[in-house]
C-alpha cells in the first residue's frame, strides 16, 4: 500500500517538532514493519532518503500540490497522512484511508520508544 505523508504536517504535530531527518528515519522503520511504500513529501528541499521511504522535495511547488497531483495519478489504493483539512478535501477523495498527522506522529514516536523497535 502506498502511503502519502504530508511531512511538514506530521513533523509539526509533536512538541518538540520532529526534525525532517527524524521523521524520515522513523517512517523507514514504520514502513518496514507495515510492509508499506511510504512517500514523505517536504516543501522545498528534503532530507536524504532511507530504505523503504521515497523522499520528495518539492522545490517551488507546495507539498500539498505535489500530494494532490500524485494522488490523482494513482490507480491503486493509498493512505493519506495529514491533518490539513484542505489537503484532505483535495487529495483524499480516492484514499482508502486518511490518518491524522498527530495520530501518525504519535504512532511513529511509540515505535521509536518500544524496546523491540
PDB file of N, CA and C in Angstrom:
ATOM      1  N   UNK A   1       0.845  -1.179   0.000  1.00  0.00           N
ATOM      2  CA  UNK A   1       0.000   0.000   0.000  1.00  0.00           C
ATOM      3  C   UNK A   1       0.890   1.241   0.000  1.00  0.00           C
ATOM      4  N   UNK A   2       0.563   2.186  -0.847  1.00  0.00           N
ATOM      5  CA  UNK A   2       1.277   3.465  -0.890  1.00  0.00           C
ATOM      6  C   UNK A   2       0.729   4.366   0.218  1.00  0.00           C
ATOM      7  N   UNK A   3       1.632   5.007   0.927  1.00  0.00           N
ATOM      8  CA  UNK A   3       1.262   5.931   1.995  1.00  0.00           C
ATOM      9  C   UNK A   3       1.870   7.286   1.661  1.00  0.00           C
ATOM     10  N   UNK A   4       1.012   8.252   1.333  1.00  0.00           N
ATOM     11  CA  UNK A   4       1.443   9.620   1.029  1.00  0.00           C
ATOM     12  C   UNK A   4       1.462  10.415   2.329  1.00  0.00           C
ATOM     13  N   UNK A   5       2.635  10.894   2.712  1.00  0.00           N
ATOM     14  CA  UNK A   5       2.807  11.561   4.002  1.00  0.00           C
ATOM     15  C   UNK A   5       3.076  13.048   3.796  1.00  0.00           C
ATOM     16  N   UNK A   6       2.197  13.879   4.340  1.00  0.00           N
ATOM     17  CA  UNK A   6       2.380  15.326   4.373  1.00  0.00           C
ATOM     18  C   UNK A   6       3.415  15.597   5.467  1.00  0.00           C
ATOM     19  N   UNK A   7       4.689  15.527   5.097  1.00  0.00           N
ATOM     20  CA  UNK A   7       5.780  15.569   6.070  1.00  0.00           C
ATOM     21  C   UNK A   7       5.773  16.823   6.953  1.00  0.00           C
ATOM     22  N   UNK A   8       5.581  18.036   6.405  1.00  0.00           N
ATOM     23  CA  UNK A   8       5.563  19.206   7.287  1.00  0.00           C
ATOM     24  C   UNK A   8       4.449  19.121   8.340  1.00  0.00           C
ATOM     25  N   UNK A   9       3.312  18.601   7.952  1.00  0.00           N
ATOM     26  CA  UNK A   9       2.186  18.481   8.869  1.00  0.00           C
ATOM     27  C   UNK A   9       2.487  17.475   9.977  1.00  0.00           C
ATOM     28  N   UNK A  10       3.042  16.332   9.620  1.00  0.00           N
ATOM     29  CA  UNK A  10       3.328  15.288  10.606  1.00  0.00           C
ATOM     30  C   UNK A  10       4.434  15.733  11.555  1.00  0.00           C
ATOM     31  N   UNK A  11       5.512  16.296  11.034  1.00  0.00           N
ATOM     32  CA  UNK A  11       6.629  16.643  11.917  1.00  0.00           C
ATOM     33  C   UNK A  11       6.283  17.740  12.901  1.00  0.00           C
ATOM     34  N   UNK A  12       5.333  18.596  12.544  1.00  0.00           N
ATOM     35  CA  UNK A  12       4.940  19.684  13.453  1.00  0.00           C
ATOM     36  C   UNK A  12       3.788  19.281  14.381  1.00  0.00           C
ATOM     37  N   UNK A  13       3.402  18.029  14.340  1.00  0.00           N
ATOM     38  CA  UNK A  13       2.296  17.553  15.166  1.00  0.00           C
ATOM     39  C   UNK A  13       2.731  17.175  16.575  1.00  0.00           C
ATOM     40  N   UNK A  14       4.026  17.132  16.828  1.00  0.00           N
ATOM     41  CA  UNK A  14       4.548  16.826  18.157  1.00  0.00           C
ATOM     42  C   UNK A  14       5.380  17.995  18.646  1.00  0.00           C
ATOM     43  N   UNK A  15       5.464  18.110  19.981  1.00  0.00           N
ATOM     44  CA  UNK A  15       6.366  19.092  20.549  1.00  0.00           C
ATOM     45  C   UNK A  15       7.333  18.369  21.454  1.00  0.00           C
ATOM     46  N   UNK A  16       8.613  18.534  21.313  1.00  0.00           N
ATOM     47  CA  UNK A  16       9.203  19.337  20.255  1.00  0.00           C
ATOM     48  C   UNK A  16       8.983  18.693  18.886  1.00  0.00           C
ATOM     49  N   UNK A  17       9.007  19.533  17.858  1.00  0.00           N
ATOM     50  CA  UNK A  17       8.789  19.035  16.497  1.00  0.00           C
ATOM     51  C   UNK A  17       9.868  18.030  16.127  1.00  0.00           C
ATOM     52  N   UNK A  18       9.466  17.053  15.314  1.00  0.00           N
ATOM     53  CA  UNK A  18      10.430  16.116  14.753  1.00  0.00           C
ATOM     54  C   UNK A  18      11.252  16.844  13.693  1.00  0.00           C
ATOM     55  N   UNK A  19      12.528  16.566  13.634  1.00  0.00           N
ATOM     56  CA  UNK A  19      13.323  17.118  12.540  1.00  0.00           C
ATOM     57  C   UNK A  19      12.961  16.346  11.273  1.00  0.00           C
ATOM     58  N   UNK A  20      13.218  16.913  10.109  1.00  0.00           N
ATOM     59  CA  UNK A  20      12.953  16.164   8.878  1.00  0.00           C
ATOM     60  C   UNK A  20      13.667  14.811   8.868  1.00  0.00           C
ATOM     61  N   UNK A  21      14.912  14.790   9.355  1.00  0.00           N
ATOM     62  CA  UNK A  21      15.689  13.551   9.376  1.00  0.00           C
ATOM     63  C   UNK A  21      15.082  12.526  10.336  1.00  0.00           C
ATOM     64  N   UNK A  22      14.622  12.985  11.508  1.00  0.00           N
ATOM     65  CA  UNK A  22      13.971  12.077  12.455  1.00  0.00           C
ATOM     66  C   UNK A  22      12.717  11.474  11.842  1.00  0.00           C
ATOM     67  N   UNK A  23      11.928  12.316  11.196  1.00  0.00           N
ATOM     68  CA  UNK A  23      10.693  11.829  10.587  1.00  0.00           C
ATOM     69  C   UNK A  23      10.990  10.747   9.556  1.00  0.00           C
ATOM     70  N   UNK A  24      11.952  10.982   8.695  1.00  0.00           N
ATOM     71  CA  UNK A  24      12.273  10.006   7.646  1.00  0.00           C
ATOM     72  C   UNK A  24      12.792   8.715   8.263  1.00  0.00           C
ATOM     73  N   UNK A  25      13.647   8.810   9.272  1.00  0.00           N
ATOM     74  CA  UNK A  25      14.170   7.603   9.925  1.00  0.00           C
ATOM     75  C   UNK A  25      13.048   6.792  10.563  1.00  0.00           C
ATOM     76  N   UNK A  26      12.173   7.465  11.301  1.00  0.00           N
ATOM     77  CA  UNK A  26      11.046   6.769  11.944  1.00  0.00           C
ATOM     78  C   UNK A  26      10.101   6.191  10.902  1.00  0.00           C
ATOM     79  N   UNK A  27       9.872   6.933   9.855  1.00  0.00           N
ATOM     80  CA  UNK A  27       8.991   6.467   8.784  1.00  0.00           C
ATOM     81  C   UNK A  27       9.568   5.217   8.117  1.00  0.00           C
ATOM     82  N   UNK A  28      10.886   5.163   7.972  1.00  0.00           N
ATOM     83  CA  UNK A  28      11.529   3.984   7.401  1.00  0.00           C
ATOM     84  C   UNK A  28      11.302   2.750   8.255  1.00  0.00           C
ATOM     85  N   UNK A  29      11.420   2.897   9.559  1.00  0.00           N
ATOM     86  CA  UNK A  29      11.176   1.772  10.473  1.00  0.00           C
ATOM     87  C   UNK A  29       9.716   1.344  10.413  1.00  0.00           C
ATOM     88  N   UNK A  30       8.819   2.326  10.393  1.00  0.00           N
ATOM     89  CA  UNK A  30       7.386   2.028  10.332  1.00  0.00           C
ATOM     90  C   UNK A  30       7.050   1.317   9.025  1.00  0.00           C
ATOM     91  N   UNK A  31       7.560   1.818   7.901  1.00  0.00           N
ATOM     92  CA  UNK A  31       7.261   1.238   6.590  1.00  0.00           C
ATOM     93  C   UNK A  31       7.746  -0.205   6.512  1.00  0.00           C
ATOM     94  N   UNK A  32       8.909  -0.471   7.071  1.00  0.00           N
ATOM     95  CA  UNK A  32       9.434  -1.842   7.077  1.00  0.00           C
ATOM     96  C   UNK A  32       8.507  -2.752   7.871  1.00  0.00           C
ATOM     97  N   UNK A  33       8.096  -2.297   9.048  1.00  0.00           N
ATOM     98  CA  UNK A  33       7.209  -3.096   9.907  1.00  0.00           C
ATOM     99  C   UNK A  33       5.859  -3.349   9.239  1.00  0.00           C
ATOM    100  N   UNK A  34       5.331  -2.332   8.557  1.00  0.00           N
ATOM    101  CA  UNK A  34       3.998  -2.419   7.967  1.00  0.00           C
ATOM    102  C   UNK A  34       3.997  -2.988   6.549  1.00  0.00           C
ATOM    103  N   UNK A  35       5.162  -3.093   5.934  1.00  0.00           N
ATOM    104  CA  UNK A  35       5.225  -3.532   4.537  1.00  0.00           C
ATOM    105  C   UNK A  35       4.605  -2.507   3.602  1.00  0.00           C
ATOM    106  N   UNK A  36       4.759  -1.242   3.946  1.00  0.00           N
ATOM    107  CA  UNK A  36       4.156  -0.150   3.176  1.00  0.00           C
ATOM    108  C   UNK A  36       5.206   0.545   2.320  1.00  0.00           C
ATOM    109  N   UNK A  37       4.738   1.199   1.273  1.00  0.00           N
ATOM    110  CA  UNK A  37       5.580   2.036   0.418  1.00  0.00           C
ATOM    111  C   UNK A  37       5.296   3.485   0.803  1.00  0.00           C
ATOM    112  N   UNK A  38       6.168   4.051   1.643  1.00  0.00           N
ATOM    113  CA  UNK A  38       5.948   5.391   2.167  1.00  0.00           C
ATOM    114  C   UNK A  38       6.590   6.438   1.261  1.00  0.00           C
ATOM    115  N   UNK A  39       5.853   7.523   1.048  1.00  0.00           N
ATOM    116  CA  UNK A  39       6.364   8.665   0.294  1.00  0.00           C
ATOM    117  C   UNK A  39       6.211   9.891   1.193  1.00  0.00           C
ATOM    118  N   UNK A  40       7.349  10.419   1.671  1.00  0.00           N
ATOM    119  CA  UNK A  40       7.353  11.600   2.531  1.00  0.00           C
ATOM    120  C   UNK A  40       7.594  12.823   1.658  1.00  0.00           C
ATOM    121  N   UNK A  41       6.650  13.750   1.678  1.00  0.00           N
ATOM    122  CA  UNK A  41       6.712  14.912   0.800  1.00  0.00           C
ATOM    123  C   UNK A  41       6.973  16.169   1.630  1.00  0.00           C
ATOM    124  N   UNK A  42       8.069  16.857   1.301  1.00  0.00           N
ATOM    125  CA  UNK A  42       8.501  18.055   2.016  1.00  0.00           C
ATOM    126  C   UNK A  42       8.388  19.279   1.118  1.00  0.00           C
ATOM    127  N   UNK A  43       7.981  20.407   1.694  1.00  0.00           N
ATOM    128  CA  UNK A  43       8.050  21.677   0.980  1.00  0.00           C
ATOM    129  C   UNK A  43       9.524  22.003   0.765  1.00  0.00           C
ATOM    130  N   UNK A  44       9.879  22.416  -0.451  1.00  0.00           N
ATOM    131  CA  UNK A  44      11.264  22.789  -0.720  1.00  0.00           C
ATOM    132  C   UNK A  44      12.187  21.590  -0.696  1.00  0.00           C
ATOM    133  N   UNK A  45      13.379  21.749  -0.078  1.00  0.00           N
ATOM    134  CA  UNK A  45      14.344  20.651  -0.054  1.00  0.00           C
ATOM    135  C   UNK A  45      13.919  19.557   0.924  1.00  0.00           C
ATOM    136  N   UNK A  46      14.451  18.364   0.712  1.00  0.00           N
ATOM    137  CA  UNK A  46      14.116  17.227   1.561  1.00  0.00           C
ATOM    138  C   UNK A  46      15.393  16.599   2.103  1.00  0.00           C
ATOM    139  N   UNK A  47      15.280  15.919   3.241  1.00  0.00           N
ATOM    140  CA  UNK A  47      16.442  15.197   3.761  1.00  0.00           C
ATOM    141  C   UNK A  47      16.729  13.962   2.909  1.00  0.00           C
ATOM    142  N   UNK A  48      17.821  13.296   3.221  1.00  0.00           N
ATOM    143  CA  UNK A  48      18.181  12.077   2.498  1.00  0.00           C
ATOM    144  C   UNK A  48      17.162  10.977   2.765  1.00  0.00           C
ATOM    145  N   UNK A  49      16.968  10.145   1.757  1.00  0.00           N
ATOM    146  CA  UNK A  49      16.048   9.019   1.876  1.00  0.00           C
ATOM    147  C   UNK A  49      16.684   7.911   2.701  1.00  0.00           C
ATOM    148  N   UNK A  50      15.846   7.048   3.234  1.00  0.00           N
ATOM    149  CA  UNK A  50      16.275   5.821   3.899  1.00  0.00           C
ATOM    150  C   UNK A  50      15.537   4.671   3.239  1.00  0.00           C
ATOM    151  N   UNK A  51      15.994   3.465   3.498  1.00  0.00           N
ATOM    152  CA  UNK A  51      15.339   2.291   2.919  1.00  0.00           C
ATOM    153  C   UNK A  51      13.856   2.284   3.269  1.00  0.00           C
ATOM    154  N   UNK A  52      13.046   2.044   2.265  1.00  0.00           N
ATOM    155  CA  UNK A  52      11.605   1.939   2.470  1.00  0.00           C
ATOM    156  C   UNK A  52      10.842   3.240   2.356  1.00  0.00           C
ATOM    157  N   UNK A  53      11.559   4.348   2.169  1.00  0.00           N
ATOM    158  CA  UNK A  53      10.893   5.652   2.091  1.00  0.00           C
ATOM    159  C   UNK A  53      11.370   6.403   0.862  1.00  0.00           C
ATOM    160  N   UNK A  54      10.430   6.789   0.016  1.00  0.00           N
ATOM    161  CA  UNK A  54      10.743   7.720  -1.056  1.00  0.00           C
ATOM    162  C   UNK A  54      10.597   9.114  -0.464  1.00  0.00           C
ATOM    163  N   UNK A  55      11.623   9.935  -0.614  1.00  0.00           N
ATOM    164  CA  UNK A  55      11.601  11.284  -0.054  1.00  0.00           C
ATOM    165  C   UNK A  55      11.538  12.271  -1.212  1.00  0.00           C
ATOM    166  N   UNK A  56      10.552  13.159  -1.148  1.00  0.00           N
ATOM    167  CA  UNK A  56      10.332  14.128  -2.215  1.00  0.00           C
ATOM    168  C   UNK A  56      10.505  15.534  -1.662  1.00  0.00           C
ATOM    169  N   UNK A  57      11.377  16.299  -2.284  1.00  0.00           N
ATOM    170  CA  UNK A  57      11.485  17.729  -2.031  1.00  0.00           C
ATOM    171  C   UNK A  57      10.809  18.426  -3.199  1.00  0.00           C
ATOM    172  N   UNK A  58       9.868  19.285  -2.914  1.00  0.00           N
ATOM    173  CA  UNK A  58       9.011  19.816  -3.972  1.00  0.00           C
ATOM    174  C   UNK A  58       9.565  21.051  -4.679  1.00  0.00           C
ATOM    175  N   UNK A  59      10.703  21.559  -4.246  1.00  0.00           N
ATOM    176  CA  UNK A  59      11.231  22.762  -4.885  1.00  0.00           C
ATOM    177  C   UNK A  59      10.291  23.928  -4.649  1.00  0.00           C
ATOM    178  N   UNK A  60       9.843  24.560  -5.729  1.00  0.00           N
ATOM    179  CA  UNK A  60       8.950  25.715  -5.590  1.00  0.00           C
ATOM    180  C   UNK A  60       7.481  25.315  -5.474  1.00  0.00           C
ATOM    181  N   UNK A  61       7.170  24.061  -5.744  1.00  0.00           N
ATOM    182  CA  UNK A  61       5.792  23.570  -5.616  1.00  0.00           C
ATOM    183  C   UNK A  61       5.523  23.240  -4.144  1.00  0.00           C
ATOM    184  N   UNK A  62       4.309  23.447  -3.676  1.00  0.00           N
ATOM    185  CA  UNK A  62       4.000  23.092  -2.295  1.00  0.00           C
ATOM    186  C   UNK A  62       3.843  21.585  -2.159  1.00  0.00           C
ATOM    187  N   UNK A  63       4.102  21.082  -0.965  1.00  0.00           N
ATOM    188  CA  UNK A  63       3.904  19.653  -0.693  1.00  0.00           C
ATOM    189  C   UNK A  63       2.444  19.277  -0.944  1.00  0.00           C
ATOM    190  N   UNK A  64       1.521  20.157  -0.565  1.00  0.00           N
ATOM    191  CA  UNK A  64       0.096  19.880  -0.773  1.00  0.00           C
ATOM    192  C   UNK A  64      -0.231  19.709  -2.253  1.00  0.00           C
ATOM    193  N   UNK A  65       0.312  20.592  -3.088  1.00  0.00           N
ATOM    194  CA  UNK A  65       0.052  20.475  -4.532  1.00  0.00           C
ATOM    195  C   UNK A  65       0.652  19.194  -5.097  1.00  0.00           C
ATOM    196  N   UNK A  66       1.866  18.846  -4.655  1.00  0.00           N
ATOM    197  CA  UNK A  66       2.508  17.628  -5.143  1.00  0.00           C
ATOM    198  C   UNK A  66       1.693  16.400  -4.741  1.00  0.00           C
ATOM    199  N   UNK A  67       1.276  16.357  -3.472  1.00  0.00           N
ATOM    200  CA  UNK A  67       0.492  15.216  -2.980  1.00  0.00           C
ATOM    201  C   UNK A  67      -0.824  15.113  -3.739  1.00  0.00           C
ATOM    202  N   UNK A  68      -1.486  16.229  -3.968  1.00  0.00           N
ATOM    203  CA  UNK A  68      -2.755  16.218  -4.700  1.00  0.00           C
ATOM    204  C   UNK A  68      -2.559  15.683  -6.115  1.00  0.00           C
ATOM    205  N   UNK A  69      -1.525  16.157  -6.782  1.00  0.00           N
ATOM    206  CA  UNK A  69      -1.253  15.687  -8.144  1.00  0.00           C
ATOM    207  C   UNK A  69      -0.951  14.194  -8.155  1.00  0.00           C
ATOM    208  N   UNK A  70      -0.108  13.745  -7.236  1.00  0.00           N
ATOM    209  CA  UNK A  70       0.261  12.319  -7.185  1.00  0.00           C
ATOM    210  C   UNK A  70      -0.951  11.453  -6.868  1.00  0.00           C
ATOM    211  N   UNK A  71      -1.794  11.907  -5.970  1.00  0.00           N
ATOM    212  CA  UNK A  71      -2.986  11.139  -5.603  1.00  0.00           C
ATOM    213  C   UNK A  71      -3.897  10.926  -6.812  1.00  0.00           C
ATOM    214  N   UNK A  72      -4.015  11.935  -7.659  1.00  0.00           N
ATOM    215  CA  UNK A  72      -4.886  11.793  -8.832  1.00  0.00           C
ATOM    216  C   UNK A  72      -4.285  10.862  -9.873  1.00  0.00           C
ATOM    217  N   UNK A  73      -2.974  10.641  -9.827  1.00  0.00           N
ATOM    218  CA  UNK A  73      -2.303   9.748 -10.775  1.00  0.00           C
ATOM    219  C   UNK A  73      -2.366   8.278 -10.359  1.00  0.00           C
ATOM    220  N   UNK A  74      -2.675   8.015  -9.107  1.00  0.00           N
ATOM    221  CA  UNK A  74      -2.645   6.647  -8.595  1.00  0.00           C
ATOM    222  C   UNK A  74      -3.860   5.843  -9.050  1.00  0.00           C
ATOM    223  N   UNK A  75      -3.596   4.628  -9.502  1.00  0.00           N
ATOM    224  CA  UNK A  75      -4.668   3.704  -9.882  1.00  0.00           C
ATOM    225  C   UNK A  75      -4.898   2.667  -8.797  1.00  0.00           C
ATOM    226  N   UNK A  76      -4.146   2.733  -7.736  1.00  0.00           N
ATOM    227  CA  UNK A  76      -4.238   1.757  -6.661  1.00  0.00           C
ATOM    228  C   UNK A  76      -4.637   2.453  -5.371  1.00  0.00           C
ATOM    229  N   UNK A  77      -5.112   1.696  -4.405  1.00  0.00           N
ATOM    230  CA  UNK A  77      -5.485   2.313  -3.119  1.00  0.00           C
ATOM    231  C   UNK A  77      -4.263   2.930  -2.447  1.00  0.00           C
ATOM    232  N   UNK A  78      -4.496   3.983  -1.698  1.00  0.00           N
ATOM    233  CA  UNK A  78      -3.420   4.643  -0.968  1.00  0.00           C
ATOM    234  C   UNK A  78      -3.964   5.178   0.339  1.00  0.00           C
ATOM    235  N   UNK A  79      -3.034   5.455   1.240  1.00  0.00           N
ATOM    236  CA  UNK A  79      -3.362   6.079   2.517  1.00  0.00           C
ATOM    237  C   UNK A  79      -2.799   7.490   2.475  1.00  0.00           C
ATOM    238  N   UNK A  80      -3.579   8.453   2.931  1.00  0.00           N
ATOM    239  CA  UNK A  80      -3.144   9.843   3.015  1.00  0.00           C
ATOM    240  C   UNK A  80      -2.931  10.180   4.479  1.00  0.00           C
ATOM    241  N   UNK A  81      -1.743  10.703   4.821  1.00  0.00           N
ATOM    242  CA  UNK A  81      -1.444  11.083   6.193  1.00  0.00           C
ATOM    243  C   UNK A  81      -1.309  12.599   6.259  1.00  0.00           C
ATOM    244  N   UNK A  82      -2.312  13.244   6.855  1.00  0.00           N
ATOM    245  CA  UNK A  82      -2.304  14.691   7.062  1.00  0.00           C
ATOM    246  C   UNK A  82      -3.464  15.077   7.970  1.00  0.00           C
ATOM    247  N   UNK A  83      -3.305  16.182   8.662  1.00  0.00           N
ATOM    248  CA  UNK A  83      -4.412  16.772   9.420  1.00  0.00           C
ATOM    249  C   UNK A  83      -4.956  18.006   8.722  1.00  0.00           C
ATOM    250  N   UNK A  84      -4.365  18.349   7.601  1.00  0.00           N
ATOM    251  CA  UNK A  84      -4.745  19.532   6.828  1.00  0.00           C
ATOM    252  C   UNK A  84      -6.094  19.280   6.149  1.00  0.00           C
ATOM    253  N   UNK A  85      -7.112  19.997   6.588  1.00  0.00           N
ATOM    254  CA  UNK A  85      -8.464  19.770   6.051  1.00  0.00           C
ATOM    255  C   UNK A  85      -8.559  20.035   4.559  1.00  0.00           C
ATOM    256  N   UNK A  86      -7.899  21.088   4.103  1.00  0.00           N
ATOM    257  CA  UNK A  86      -7.942  21.398   2.674  1.00  0.00           C
ATOM    258  C   UNK A  86      -7.276  20.282   1.861  1.00  0.00           C
ATOM    259  N   UNK A  87      -6.139  19.798   2.329  1.00  0.00           N
ATOM    260  CA  UNK A  87      -5.467  18.713   1.623  1.00  0.00           C
ATOM    261  C   UNK A  87      -6.312  17.445   1.648  1.00  0.00           C
ATOM    262  N   UNK A  88      -6.977  17.183   2.743  1.00  0.00           N
ATOM    263  CA  UNK A  88      -7.880  16.019   2.818  1.00  0.00           C
ATOM    264  C   UNK A  88      -8.966  16.113   1.749  1.00  0.00           C
ATOM    265  N   UNK A  89      -9.487  17.304   1.545  1.00  0.00           N
ATOM    266  CA  UNK A  89     -10.511  17.507   0.511  1.00  0.00           C
ATOM    267  C   UNK A  89      -9.930  17.326  -0.886  1.00  0.00           C
ATOM    268  N   UNK A  90      -8.762  17.896  -1.107  1.00  0.00           N
ATOM    269  CA  UNK A  90      -8.153  17.874  -2.440  1.00  0.00           C
ATOM    270  C   UNK A  90      -7.611  16.504  -2.822  1.00  0.00           C
ATOM    271  N   UNK A  91      -6.943  15.823  -1.885  1.00  0.00           N
ATOM    272  CA  UNK A  91      -6.228  14.586  -2.224  1.00  0.00           C
ATOM    273  C   UNK A  91      -6.839  13.337  -1.613  1.00  0.00           C
ATOM    274  N   UNK A  92      -7.804  13.494  -0.743  1.00  0.00           N
ATOM    275  CA  UNK A  92      -8.317  12.348  -0.012  1.00  0.00           C
ATOM    276  C   UNK A  92      -9.482  11.623  -0.632  1.00  0.00           C
ATOM    277  N   UNK A  93     -10.012  12.132  -1.727  1.00  0.00           N
ATOM    278  CA  UNK A  93     -11.206  11.517  -2.317  1.00  0.00           C
ATOM    279  C   UNK A  93     -10.996  10.059  -2.722  1.00  0.00           C
ATOM    280  N   UNK A  94      -9.810   9.733  -3.241  1.00  0.00           N
ATOM    281  CA  UNK A  94      -9.538   8.365  -3.663  1.00  0.00           C
ATOM    282  C   UNK A  94      -8.812   7.535  -2.627  1.00  0.00           C
ATOM    283  N   UNK A  95      -8.596   8.097  -1.447  1.00  0.00           N
ATOM    284  CA  UNK A  95      -7.828   7.396  -0.418  1.00  0.00           C
ATOM    285  C   UNK A  95      -8.628   6.249   0.183  1.00  0.00           C
ATOM    286  N   UNK A  96      -7.951   5.138   0.425  1.00  0.00           N
ATOM    287  CA  UNK A  96      -8.567   4.023   1.138  1.00  0.00           C
ATOM    288  C   UNK A  96      -8.761   4.399   2.601  1.00  0.00           C
ATOM    289  N   UNK A  97      -7.863   5.275   3.088  1.00  0.00           N
ATOM    290  CA  UNK A  97      -7.930   5.708   4.481  1.00  0.00           C
ATOM    291  C   UNK A  97      -7.186   7.023   4.625  1.00  0.00           C
ATOM    292  N   UNK A  98      -7.632   7.863   5.543  1.00  0.00           N
ATOM    293  CA  UNK A  98      -6.950   9.103   5.883  1.00  0.00           C
ATOM    294  C   UNK A  98      -6.588   9.032   7.361  1.00  0.00           C
ATOM    295  N   UNK A  99      -5.323   9.320   7.669  1.00  0.00           N
ATOM    296  CA  UNK A  99      -4.829   9.270   9.039  1.00  0.00           C
ATOM    297  C   UNK A  99      -4.353  10.662   9.420  1.00  0.00           C
ATOM    298  N   UNK A 100      -4.737  11.131  10.583  1.00  0.00           N
ATOM    299  CA  UNK A 100      -4.312  12.440  11.053  1.00  0.00           C
ATOM    300  C   UNK A 100      -2.815  12.499  11.303  1.00  0.00           C
ATOM    301  N   UNK A 101      -2.226  13.653  11.054  1.00  0.00           N
ATOM    302  CA  UNK A 101      -0.790  13.822  11.232  1.00  0.00           C
ATOM    303  C   UNK A 101      -0.340  13.587  12.664  1.00  0.00           C
ATOM    304  N   UNK A 102      -1.093  14.098  13.633  1.00  0.00           N
ATOM    305  CA  UNK A 102      -0.732  13.913  15.040  1.00  0.00           C
ATOM    306  C   UNK A 102      -0.810  12.460  15.471  1.00  0.00           C
ATOM    307  N   UNK A 103      -1.862  11.797  15.072  1.00  0.00           N
ATOM    308  CA  UNK A 103      -2.010  10.374  15.405  1.00  0.00           C
ATOM    309  C   UNK A 103      -0.849   9.577  14.815  1.00  0.00           C
ATOM    310  N   UNK A 104      -0.503   9.865  13.566  1.00  0.00           N
ATOM    311  CA  UNK A 104       0.574   9.146  12.904  1.00  0.00           C
ATOM    312  C   UNK A 104       1.910   9.452  13.573  1.00  0.00           C
ATOM    313  N   UNK A 105       2.159  10.720  13.914  1.00  0.00           N
ATOM    314  CA  UNK A 105       3.408  11.096  14.584  1.00  0.00           C
ATOM    315  C   UNK A 105       3.542  10.382  15.920  1.00  0.00           C
ATOM    316  N   UNK A 106       2.444  10.270  16.669  1.00  0.00           N
ATOM    317  CA  UNK A 106       2.488   9.560  17.952  1.00  0.00           C
ATOM    318  C   UNK A 106       2.757   8.073  17.746  1.00  0.00           C
ATOM    319  N   UNK A 107       2.221   7.496  16.672  1.00  0.00           N
ATOM    320  CA  UNK A 107       2.497   6.098  16.360  1.00  0.00           C
ATOM    321  C   UNK A 107       3.980   5.904  16.043  1.00  0.00           C
ATOM    322  N   UNK A 108       4.550   6.817  15.267  1.00  0.00           N
ATOM    323  CA  UNK A 108       5.975   6.739  14.956  1.00  0.00           C
ATOM    324  C   UNK A 108       6.814   6.873  16.221  1.00  0.00           C
ATOM    325  N   UNK A 109       6.430   7.810  17.070  1.00  0.00           N
ATOM    326  CA  UNK A 109       7.162   8.034  18.310  1.00  0.00           C
ATOM    327  C   UNK A 109       7.088   6.803  19.216  1.00  0.00           C
ATOM    328  N   UNK A 110       5.926   6.183  19.317  1.00  0.00           N
ATOM    329  CA  UNK A 110       5.771   4.970  20.129  1.00  0.00           C
ATOM    330  C   UNK A 110       6.642   3.841  19.586  1.00  0.00           C
ATOM    331  N   UNK A 111       6.727   3.731  18.281  1.00  0.00           N
ATOM    332  CA  UNK A 111       7.569   2.714  17.671  1.00  0.00           C
ATOM    333  C   UNK A 111       9.036   2.938  18.056  1.00  0.00           C
ATOM    334  N   UNK A 112       9.455   4.193  18.064  1.00  0.00           N
ATOM    335  CA  UNK A 112      10.837   4.515  18.413  1.00  0.00           C
ATOM    336  C   UNK A 112      11.131   4.201  19.877  1.00  0.00           C
ATOM    337  N   UNK A 113      10.116   4.334  20.731  1.00  0.00           N
ATOM    338  CA  UNK A 113      10.319   4.136  22.167  1.00  0.00           C
ATOM    339  C   UNK A 113      10.142   2.683  22.598  1.00  0.00           C
ATOM    340  N   UNK A 114       9.615   1.842  21.711  1.00  0.00           N
ATOM    341  CA  UNK A 114       9.395   0.445  22.100  1.00  0.00           C
ATOM    342  C   UNK A 114      10.710  -0.323  22.095  1.00  0.00           C
ATOM    343  N   UNK A 115      10.897  -1.219  23.053  1.00  0.00           N
ATOM    344  CA  UNK A 115      12.150  -1.951  23.152  1.00  0.00           C
ATOM    345  C   UNK A 115      12.415  -2.860  21.956  1.00  0.00           C
ATOM    346  N   UNK A 116      11.377  -3.271  21.266  1.00  0.00           N
ATOM    347  CA  UNK A 116      11.555  -4.176  20.122  1.00  0.00           C
ATOM    348  C   UNK A 116      11.743  -3.429  18.817  1.00  0.00           C
ATOM    349  N   UNK A 117      11.771  -2.108  18.869  1.00  0.00           N
ATOM    350  CA  UNK A 117      11.857  -1.303  17.635  1.00  0.00           C
ATOM    351  C   UNK A 117      13.185  -1.380  16.978  1.00  0.00           C
TER     352      UNK A 117
END
